[in-house]
Amino acid sequence: CGEPHFYPRALCPFCFGETDWQETNGEGEIYSFSVMRRAETPYAIAFVKLDAGPTMMSNLVDCDFDGLAIGQRVRVVFQPSNGGHKVPMFTPV
């Protein structure tokens, strides 16, 4: 059906057909976010509506948390997780 989705999987969650890998520009806008300041190191998480269609939840990095806003443009960056694997996070454009 070609409906874009995240996370990658073998079958399309909309039509249950086979899927193909599609690259995008990795940009979108903040739909919603929250800054967690109770942790030893503050961090921000957000729902990001990608230009390609899907919405992803991930961290916002390399930014001033007080300057974040709903509708703000962001782009994907890949940073290592605690386990060492690179995961998608977002930073302001």
PDB file of N, CA and C in Angstrom:
ATOM      1  N   CYS A   1       0.817  -1.205   0.000  1.00  0.00           N
ATOM      2  CA  CYS A   1       0.000   0.000   0.000  1.00  0.00           C
ATOM      3  C   CYS A   1       0.859   1.267   0.000  1.00  0.00           C
ATOM      4  N   GLY A   2       2.125   1.133   0.421  1.00  0.00           N
ATOM      5  CA  GLY A   2       3.027   2.273   0.398  1.00  0.00           C
ATOM      6  C   GLY A   2       2.847   3.251   1.550  1.00  0.00           C
ATOM      7  N   GLU A   3       2.019   2.923   2.525  1.00  0.00           N
ATOM      8  CA  GLU A   3       1.802   3.817   3.673  1.00  0.00           C
ATOM      9  C   GLU A   3       3.068   3.853   4.534  1.00  0.00           C
ATOM     10  N   PRO A   4       3.667   5.031   4.751  1.00  0.00           N
ATOM     11  CA  PRO A   4       4.891   5.086   5.561  1.00  0.00           C
ATOM     12  C   PRO A   4       4.598   4.784   7.026  1.00  0.00           C
ATOM     13  N   HIS A   5       5.548   4.117   7.675  1.00  0.00           N
ATOM     14  CA  HIS A   5       5.385   3.781   9.088  1.00  0.00           C
ATOM     15  C   HIS A   5       6.751   3.698   9.761  1.00  0.00           C
ATOM     16  N   PHE A   6       6.754   3.825  11.056  1.00  0.00           N
ATOM     17  CA  PHE A   6       7.934   3.633  11.876  1.00  0.00           C
ATOM     18  C   PHE A   6       7.468   2.828  13.065  1.00  0.00           C
ATOM     19  N   TYR A   7       8.118   1.860  13.348  1.00  0.00           N
ATOM     20  CA  TYR A   7       9.463   1.359  13.225  1.00  0.00           C
ATOM     21  C   TYR A   7       9.548   0.351  12.083  1.00  0.00           C
ATOM     22  N   PRO A   8      10.742   0.077  11.549  1.00  0.00           N
ATOM     23  CA  PRO A   8      10.865  -0.902  10.461  1.00  0.00           C
ATOM     24  C   PRO A   8      10.379  -2.284  10.902  1.00  0.00           C
ATOM     25  N   ARG A   9       9.666  -2.951  10.031  1.00  0.00           N
ATOM     26  CA  ARG A   9       9.179  -4.306  10.324  1.00  0.00           C
ATOM     27  C   ARG A   9       8.945  -5.058   9.018  1.00  0.00           C
ATOM     28  N   ALA A  10       8.803  -6.352   9.120  1.00  0.00           N
ATOM     29  CA  ALA A  10       8.696  -7.208   7.938  1.00  0.00           C
ATOM     30  C   ALA A  10       7.372  -7.017   7.199  1.00  0.00           C
ATOM     31  N   LEU A  11       6.291  -6.792   7.949  1.00  0.00           N
ATOM     32  CA  LEU A  11       4.972  -6.630   7.334  1.00  0.00           C
ATOM     33  C   LEU A  11       4.420  -5.243   7.621  1.00  0.00           C
ATOM     34  N   CYS A  12       3.742  -4.681   6.644  1.00  0.00           N
ATOM     35  CA  CYS A  12       3.117  -3.369   6.791  1.00  0.00           C
ATOM     36  C   CYS A  12       2.020  -3.448   7.861  1.00  0.00           C
ATOM     37  N   PRO A  13       2.001  -2.524   8.838  1.00  0.00           N
ATOM     38  CA  PRO A  13       0.961  -2.565   9.867  1.00  0.00           C
ATOM     39  C   PRO A  13      -0.411  -2.117   9.358  1.00  0.00           C
ATOM     40  N   PHE A  14      -0.471  -1.602   8.131  1.00  0.00           N
ATOM     41  CA  PHE A  14      -1.737  -1.131   7.571  1.00  0.00           C
ATOM     42  C   PHE A  14      -2.402  -2.173   6.676  1.00  0.00           C
ATOM     43  N   CYS A  15      -1.588  -2.839   5.804  1.00  0.00           N
ATOM     44  CA  CYS A  15      -2.171  -3.798   4.860  1.00  0.00           C
ATOM     45  C   CYS A  15      -1.609  -5.215   5.033  1.00  0.00           C
ATOM     46  N   PHE A  16      -0.624  -5.371   5.917  1.00  0.00           N
ATOM     47  CA  PHE A  16       0.034  -6.652   6.196  1.00  0.00           C
ATOM     48  C   PHE A  16       0.788  -7.211   5.000  1.00  0.00           C
ATOM     49  N   GLY A  17       1.079  -6.352   4.023  1.00  0.00           N
ATOM     50  CA  GLY A  17       1.885  -6.749   2.871  1.00  0.00           C
ATOM     51  C   GLY A  17       3.371  -6.577   3.162  1.00  0.00           C
ATOM     52  N   GLU A  18       4.193  -6.984   2.201  1.00  0.00           N
ATOM     53  CA  GLU A  18       5.638  -6.827   2.338  1.00  0.00           C
ATOM     54  C   GLU A  18       6.002  -5.345   2.313  1.00  0.00           C
ATOM     55  N   THR A  19       7.134  -5.031   2.918  1.00  0.00           N
ATOM     56  CA  THR A  19       7.573  -3.638   2.970  1.00  0.00           C
ATOM     57  C   THR A  19       8.904  -3.463   2.255  1.00  0.00           C
ATOM     58  N   ASP A  20       9.175  -2.238   1.842  1.00  0.00           N
ATOM     59  CA  ASP A  20      10.453  -1.850   1.259  1.00  0.00           C
ATOM     60  C   ASP A  20      11.023  -0.725   2.103  1.00  0.00           C
ATOM     61  N   TRP A  21      12.361  -0.672   2.205  1.00  0.00           N
ATOM     62  CA  TRP A  21      13.025   0.397   2.929  1.00  0.00           C
ATOM     63  C   TRP A  21      12.941   1.673   2.104  1.00  0.00           C
ATOM     64  N   GLN A  22      12.469   2.744   2.697  1.00  0.00           N
ATOM     65  CA  GLN A  22      12.373   4.037   2.026  1.00  0.00           C
ATOM     66  C   GLN A  22      13.159   5.067   2.825  1.00  0.00           C
ATOM     67  N   GLU A  23      14.123   5.714   2.197  1.00  0.00           N
ATOM     68  CA  GLU A  23      14.862   6.775   2.871  1.00  0.00           C
ATOM     69  C   GLU A  23      14.098   8.085   2.742  1.00  0.00           C
ATOM     70  N   THR A  24      14.184   8.915   3.781  1.00  0.00           N
ATOM     71  CA  THR A  24      13.543  10.228   3.770  1.00  0.00           C
ATOM     72  C   THR A  24      14.582  11.283   4.141  1.00  0.00           C
ATOM     73  N   ASN A  25      14.163  12.527   4.169  1.00  0.00           N
ATOM     74  CA  ASN A  25      15.096  13.588   4.552  1.00  0.00           C
ATOM     75  C   ASN A  25      15.320  13.656   6.060  1.00  0.00           C
ATOM     76  N   GLY A  26      14.547  12.903   6.839  1.00  0.00           N
ATOM     77  CA  GLY A  26      14.744  12.858   8.288  1.00  0.00           C
ATOM     78  C   GLY A  26      14.313  14.121   9.014  1.00  0.00           C
ATOM     79  N   GLU A  27      13.488  14.934   8.375  1.00  0.00           N
ATOM     80  CA  GLU A  27      13.047  16.174   9.002  1.00  0.00           C
ATOM     81  C   GLU A  27      11.568  16.113   9.350  1.00  0.00           C
ATOM     82  N   GLY A  28      11.191  16.931  10.314  1.00  0.00           N
ATOM     83  CA  GLY A  28       9.806  17.007  10.727  1.00  0.00           C
ATOM     84  C   GLY A  28       9.619  18.149  11.697  1.00  0.00           C
ATOM     85  N   GLU A  29       8.530  18.081  12.471  1.00  0.00           N
ATOM     86  CA  GLU A  29       8.282  19.131  13.452  1.00  0.00           C
ATOM     87  C   GLU A  29       7.829  18.520  14.764  1.00  0.00           C
ATOM     88  N   ILE A  30       8.116  19.235  15.843  1.00  0.00           N
ATOM     89  CA  ILE A  30       7.737  18.770  17.176  1.00  0.00           C
ATOM     90  C   ILE A  30       6.215  18.845  17.304  1.00  0.00           C
ATOM     91  N   TYR A  31       5.597  17.712  17.592  1.00  0.00           N
ATOM     92  CA  TYR A  31       4.151  17.647  17.820  1.00  0.00           C
ATOM     93  C   TYR A  31       3.847  17.919  19.294  1.00  0.00           C
ATOM     94  N   SER A  32       4.697  17.340  20.171  1.00  0.00           N
ATOM     95  CA  SER A  32       4.555  17.497  21.613  1.00  0.00           C
ATOM     96  C   SER A  32       5.903  17.174  22.242  1.00  0.00           C
ATOM     97  N   PHE A  33       6.198  17.759  23.393  1.00  0.00           N
ATOM     98  CA  PHE A  33       7.465  17.445  24.055  1.00  0.00           C
ATOM     99  C   PHE A  33       7.345  17.672  25.554  1.00  0.00           C
ATOM    100  N   SER A  34       8.296  17.107  26.283  1.00  0.00           N
ATOM    101  CA  SER A  34       8.387  17.303  27.723  1.00  0.00           C
ATOM    102  C   SER A  34       9.852  17.287  28.119  1.00  0.00           C
ATOM    103  N   VAL A  35      10.220  18.179  29.026  1.00  0.00           N
ATOM    104  CA  VAL A  35      11.589  18.229  29.542  1.00  0.00           C
ATOM    105  C   VAL A  35      11.577  17.629  30.941  1.00  0.00           C
ATOM    106  N   MET A  36      12.415  16.628  31.154  1.00  0.00           N
ATOM    107  CA  MET A  36      12.533  15.956  32.445  1.00  0.00           C
ATOM    108  C   MET A  36      13.709  16.569  33.198  1.00  0.00           C
ATOM    109  N   ARG A  37      13.412  17.302  34.256  1.00  0.00           N
ATOM    110  CA  ARG A  37      14.464  17.992  35.003  1.00  0.00           C
ATOM    111  C   ARG A  37      14.768  17.331  36.342  1.00  0.00           C
ATOM    112  N   ARG A  38      14.114  16.217  36.655  1.00  0.00           N
ATOM    113  CA  ARG A  38      14.361  15.548  37.928  1.00  0.00           C
ATOM    114  C   ARG A  38      15.530  14.589  37.857  1.00  0.00           C
ATOM    115  N   ALA A  39      15.908  14.205  36.659  1.00  0.00           N
ATOM    116  CA  ALA A  39      17.050  13.303  36.495  1.00  0.00           C
ATOM    117  C   ALA A  39      18.336  14.069  36.795  1.00  0.00           C
ATOM    118  N   GLU A  40      19.412  13.324  37.066  1.00  0.00           N
ATOM    119  CA  GLU A  40      20.700  13.963  37.329  1.00  0.00           C
ATOM    120  C   GLU A  40      21.097  14.859  36.159  1.00  0.00           C
ATOM    121  N   THR A  41      20.885  14.354  34.947  1.00  0.00           N
ATOM    122  CA  THR A  41      21.103  15.143  33.739  1.00  0.00           C
ATOM    123  C   THR A  41      19.747  15.347  33.076  1.00  0.00           C
ATOM    124  N   PRO A  42      19.264  16.586  32.989  1.00  0.00           N
ATOM    125  CA  PRO A  42      17.961  16.816  32.351  1.00  0.00           C
ATOM    126  C   PRO A  42      17.952  16.313  30.904  1.00  0.00           C
ATOM    127  N   TYR A  43      16.777  15.900  30.439  1.00  0.00           N
ATOM    128  CA  TYR A  43      16.634  15.444  29.056  1.00  0.00           C
ATOM    129  C   TYR A  43      15.240  15.783  28.562  1.00  0.00           C
ATOM    130  N   ALA A  44      15.104  15.818  27.244  1.00  0.00           N
ATOM    131  CA  ALA A  44      13.813  16.135  26.626  1.00  0.00           C
ATOM    132  C   ALA A  44      13.405  14.994  25.709  1.00  0.00           C
ATOM    133  N   ILE A  45      12.121  14.652  25.752  1.00  0.00           N
ATOM    134  CA  ILE A  45      11.560  13.675  24.824  1.00  0.00           C
ATOM    135  C   ILE A  45      10.450  14.363  24.035  1.00  0.00           C
ATOM    136  N   ALA A  46      10.220  13.867  22.827  1.00  0.00           N
ATOM    137  CA  ALA A  46       9.219  14.510  21.976  1.00  0.00           C
ATOM    138  C   ALA A  46       8.562  13.508  21.050  1.00  0.00           C
ATOM    139  N   PHE A  47       7.340  13.830  20.657  1.00  0.00           N
ATOM    140  CA  PHE A  47       6.708  13.195  19.516  1.00  0.00           C
ATOM    141  C   PHE A  47       7.018  14.102  18.342  1.00  0.00           C
ATOM    142  N   VAL A  48       7.646  13.544  17.311  1.00  0.00           N
ATOM    143  CA  VAL A  48       8.020  14.302  16.122  1.00  0.00           C
ATOM    144  C   VAL A  48       7.219  13.775  14.944  1.00  0.00           C
ATOM    145  N   LYS A  49       6.468  14.659  14.299  1.00  0.00           N
ATOM    146  CA  LYS A  49       5.709  14.319  13.089  1.00  0.00           C
ATOM    147  C   LYS A  49       6.644  14.519  11.909  1.00  0.00           C
ATOM    148  N   LEU A  50       7.062  13.409  11.296  1.00  0.00           N
ATOM    149  CA  LEU A  50       7.998  13.476  10.183  1.00  0.00           C
ATOM    150  C   LEU A  50       7.314  13.975   8.916  1.00  0.00           C
ATOM    151  N   ASP A  51       8.080  14.676   8.082  1.00  0.00           N
ATOM    152  CA  ASP A  51       7.547  15.135   6.797  1.00  0.00           C
ATOM    153  C   ASP A  51       7.063  13.954   5.960  1.00  0.00           C
ATOM    154  N   ALA A  52       7.700  12.791   6.140  1.00  0.00           N
ATOM    155  CA  ALA A  52       7.350  11.596   5.373  1.00  0.00           C
ATOM    156  C   ALA A  52       6.057  10.940   5.853  1.00  0.00           C
ATOM    157  N   GLY A  53       5.521  11.365   7.007  1.00  0.00           N
ATOM    158  CA  GLY A  53       4.248  10.827   7.452  1.00  0.00           C
ATOM    159  C   GLY A  53       4.202  10.293   8.868  1.00  0.00           C
ATOM    160  N   PRO A  54       5.077   9.334   9.231  1.00  0.00           N
ATOM    161  CA  PRO A  54       4.965   8.748  10.564  1.00  0.00           C
ATOM    162  C   PRO A  54       5.298   9.739  11.684  1.00  0.00           C
ATOM    163  N   THR A  55       4.858   9.407  12.880  1.00  0.00           N
ATOM    164  CA  THR A  55       5.236  10.144  14.082  1.00  0.00           C
ATOM    165  C   THR A  55       6.153   9.251  14.901  1.00  0.00           C
ATOM    166  N   MET A  56       7.253   9.822  15.387  1.00  0.00           N
ATOM    167  CA  MET A  56       8.222   9.078  16.198  1.00  0.00           C
ATOM    168  C   MET A  56       8.331   9.726  17.570  1.00  0.00           C
ATOM    169  N   MET A  57       8.576   8.911  18.586  1.00  0.00           N
ATOM    170  CA  MET A  57       8.911   9.431  19.900  1.00  0.00           C
ATOM    171  C   MET A  57      10.397   9.197  20.109  1.00  0.00           C
ATOM    172  N   SER A  58      11.116  10.238  20.488  1.00  0.00           N
ATOM    173  CA  SER A  58      12.548  10.110  20.713  1.00  0.00           C
ATOM    174  C   SER A  58      13.037  11.296  21.530  1.00  0.00           C
ATOM    175  N   ASN A  59      14.325  11.293  21.820  1.00  0.00           N
ATOM    176  CA  ASN A  59      14.942  12.384  22.564  1.00  0.00           C
ATOM    177  C   ASN A  59      15.231  13.573  21.662  1.00  0.00           C
ATOM    178  N   LEU A  60      15.223  14.756  22.251  1.00  0.00           N
ATOM    179  CA  LEU A  60      15.702  15.974  21.606  1.00  0.00           C
ATOM    180  C   LEU A  60      17.078  16.253  22.195  1.00  0.00           C
ATOM    181  N   VAL A  61      18.075  16.458  21.343  1.00  0.00           N
ATOM    182  CA  VAL A  61      19.454  16.609  21.805  1.00  0.00           C
ATOM    183  C   VAL A  61      20.100  17.842  21.183  1.00  0.00           C
ATOM    184  N   ASP A  62      21.222  18.241  21.789  1.00  0.00           N
ATOM    185  CA  ASP A  62      22.021  19.362  21.275  1.00  0.00           C
ATOM    186  C   ASP A  62      21.180  20.620  21.085  1.00  0.00           C
ATOM    187  N   CYS A  63      20.409  20.965  22.119  1.00  0.00           N
ATOM    188  CA  CYS A  63      19.547  22.140  22.021  1.00  0.00           C
ATOM    189  C   CYS A  63      19.332  22.749  23.403  1.00  0.00           C
ATOM    190  N   ASP A  64      18.843  23.981  23.410  1.00  0.00           N
ATOM    191  CA  ASP A  64      18.449  24.674  24.631  1.00  0.00           C
ATOM    192  C   ASP A  64      17.013  24.258  24.938  1.00  0.00           C
ATOM    193  N   PHE A  65      16.809  23.511  26.012  1.00  0.00           N
ATOM    194  CA  PHE A  65      15.480  23.005  26.327  1.00  0.00           C
ATOM    195  C   PHE A  65      14.465  24.132  26.532  1.00  0.00           C
ATOM    196  N   ASP A  66      14.911  25.275  27.034  1.00  0.00           N
ATOM    197  CA  ASP A  66      13.991  26.391  27.252  1.00  0.00           C
ATOM    198  C   ASP A  66      13.547  27.039  25.942  1.00  0.00           C
ATOM    199  N   GLY A  67      14.251  26.761  24.851  1.00  0.00           N
ATOM    200  CA  GLY A  67      13.905  27.335  23.555  1.00  0.00           C
ATOM    201  C   GLY A  67      13.051  26.427  22.686  1.00  0.00           C
ATOM    202  N   LEU A  68      12.689  25.246  23.178  1.00  0.00           N
ATOM    203  CA  LEU A  68      11.884  24.309  22.389  1.00  0.00           C
ATOM    204  C   LEU A  68      10.445  24.793  22.266  1.00  0.00           C
ATOM    205  N   ALA A  69       9.807  24.457  21.147  1.00  0.00           N
ATOM    206  CA  ALA A  69       8.420  24.870  20.925  1.00  0.00           C
ATOM    207  C   ALA A  69       7.698  23.853  20.049  1.00  0.00           C
ATOM    208  N   ILE A  70       6.415  23.674  20.309  1.00  0.00           N
ATOM    209  CA  ILE A  70       5.587  22.841  19.442  1.00  0.00           C
ATOM    210  C   ILE A  70       5.575  23.485  18.058  1.00  0.00           C
ATOM    211  N   GLY A  71       5.736  22.662  17.027  1.00  0.00           N
ATOM    212  CA  GLY A  71       5.800  23.155  15.656  1.00  0.00           C
ATOM    213  C   GLY A  71       7.212  23.463  15.195  1.00  0.00           C
ATOM    214  N   GLN A  72       8.178  23.420  16.109  1.00  0.00           N
ATOM    215  CA  GLN A  72       9.570  23.710  15.747  1.00  0.00           C
ATOM    216  C   GLN A  72      10.112  22.635  14.815  1.00  0.00           C
ATOM    217  N   ARG A  73      10.862  23.043  13.811  1.00  0.00           N
ATOM    218  CA  ARG A  73      11.453  22.116  12.846  1.00  0.00           C
ATOM    219  C   ARG A  73      12.655  21.419  13.473  1.00  0.00           C
ATOM    220  N   VAL A  74      12.753  20.116  13.225  1.00  0.00           N
ATOM    221  CA  VAL A  74      13.860  19.302  13.726  1.00  0.00           C
ATOM    222  C   VAL A  74      14.330  18.358  12.630  1.00  0.00           C
ATOM    223  N   ARG A  75      15.531  17.807  12.825  1.00  0.00           N
ATOM    224  CA  ARG A  75      16.067  16.807  11.899  1.00  0.00           C
ATOM    225  C   ARG A  75      16.653  15.666  12.714  1.00  0.00           C
ATOM    226  N   VAL A  76      16.697  14.507  12.116  1.00  0.00           N
ATOM    227  CA  VAL A  76      17.198  13.325  12.807  1.00  0.00           C
ATOM    228  C   VAL A  76      18.725  13.350  12.879  1.00  0.00           C
ATOM    229  N   VAL A  77      19.246  12.883  14.004  1.00  0.00           N
ATOM    230  CA  VAL A  77      20.669  12.611  14.193  1.00  0.00           C
ATOM    231  C   VAL A  77      20.737  11.242  14.858  1.00  0.00           C
ATOM    232  N   PHE A  78      21.790  10.504  14.588  1.00  0.00           N
ATOM    233  CA  PHE A  78      21.927   9.173  15.181  1.00  0.00           C
ATOM    234  C   PHE A  78      23.012   9.227  16.236  1.00  0.00           C
ATOM    235  N   GLN A  79      22.637   8.902  17.488  1.00  0.00           N
ATOM    236  CA  GLN A  79      23.578   8.946  18.595  1.00  0.00           C
ATOM    237  C   GLN A  79      23.579   7.602  19.302  1.00  0.00           C
ATOM    238  N   PRO A  80      24.742   7.225  19.876  1.00  0.00           N
ATOM    239  CA  PRO A  80      24.820   5.930  20.544  1.00  0.00           C
ATOM    240  C   PRO A  80      23.954   5.885  21.808  1.00  0.00           C
ATOM    241  N   SER A  81      23.296   4.765  22.003  1.00  0.00           N
ATOM    242  CA  SER A  81      22.521   4.529  23.218  1.00  0.00           C
ATOM    243  C   SER A  81      23.463   3.989  24.290  1.00  0.00           C
ATOM    244  N   ASN A  82      22.927   3.725  25.475  1.00  0.00           N
ATOM    245  CA  ASN A  82      23.747   3.144  26.546  1.00  0.00           C
ATOM    246  C   ASN A  82      24.337   1.808  26.132  1.00  0.00           C
ATOM    247  N   GLY A  83      23.647   1.076  25.267  1.00  0.00           N
ATOM    248  CA  GLY A  83      24.134  -0.212  24.789  1.00  0.00           C
ATOM    249  C   GLY A  83      25.109  -0.098  23.630  1.00  0.00           C
ATOM    250  N   GLY A  84      25.339   1.129  23.140  1.00  0.00           N
ATOM    251  CA  GLY A  84      26.294   1.340  22.067  1.00  0.00           C
ATOM    252  C   GLY A  84      25.693   1.413  20.678  1.00  0.00           C
ATOM    253  N   HIS A  85      24.444   0.965  20.518  1.00  0.00           N
ATOM    254  CA  HIS A  85      23.800   1.024  19.200  1.00  0.00           C
ATOM    255  C   HIS A  85      23.349   2.449  18.913  1.00  0.00           C
ATOM    256  N   LYS A  86      23.519   2.887  17.676  1.00  0.00           N
ATOM    257  CA  LYS A  86      23.065   4.227  17.313  1.00  0.00           C
ATOM    258  C   LYS A  86      21.553   4.224  17.132  1.00  0.00           C
ATOM    259  N   VAL A  87      20.898   5.219  17.729  1.00  0.00           N
ATOM    260  CA  VAL A  87      19.443   5.325  17.666  1.00  0.00           C
ATOM    261  C   VAL A  87      19.058   6.716  17.154  1.00  0.00           C
ATOM    262  N   PRO A  88      17.890   6.827  16.515  1.00  0.00           N
ATOM    263  CA  PRO A  88      17.471   8.135  16.004  1.00  0.00           C
ATOM    264  C   PRO A  88      17.024   9.057  17.135  1.00  0.00           C
ATOM    265  N   MET A  89      17.571  10.258  17.127  1.00  0.00           N
ATOM    266  CA  MET A  89      17.168  11.337  18.026  1.00  0.00           C
ATOM    267  C   MET A  89      16.996  12.571  17.149  1.00  0.00           C
ATOM    268  N   PHE A  90      16.539  13.658  17.718  1.00  0.00           N
ATOM    269  CA  PHE A  90      16.271  14.846  16.914  1.00  0.00           C
ATOM    270  C   PHE A  90      16.933  16.077  17.505  1.00  0.00           C
ATOM    271  N   THR A  91      17.306  16.995  16.615  1.00  0.00           N
ATOM    272  CA  THR A  91      17.890  18.274  16.996  1.00  0.00           C
ATOM    273  C   THR A  91      17.235  19.362  16.148  1.00  0.00           C
ATOM    274  N   PRO A  92      17.114  20.579  16.686  1.00  0.00           N
ATOM    275  CA  PRO A  92      16.505  21.651  15.892  1.00  0.00           C
ATOM    276  C   PRO A  92      17.258  21.901  14.595  1.00  0.00           C
ATOM    277  N   VAL A  93      16.501  22.281  13.554  1.00  0.00           N
ATOM    278  CA  VAL A  93      17.091  22.596  12.249  1.00  0.00           C
ATOM    279  C   VAL A  93      17.767  23.950  12.347  1.00  0.00           C
TER     280      VAL A  93
END
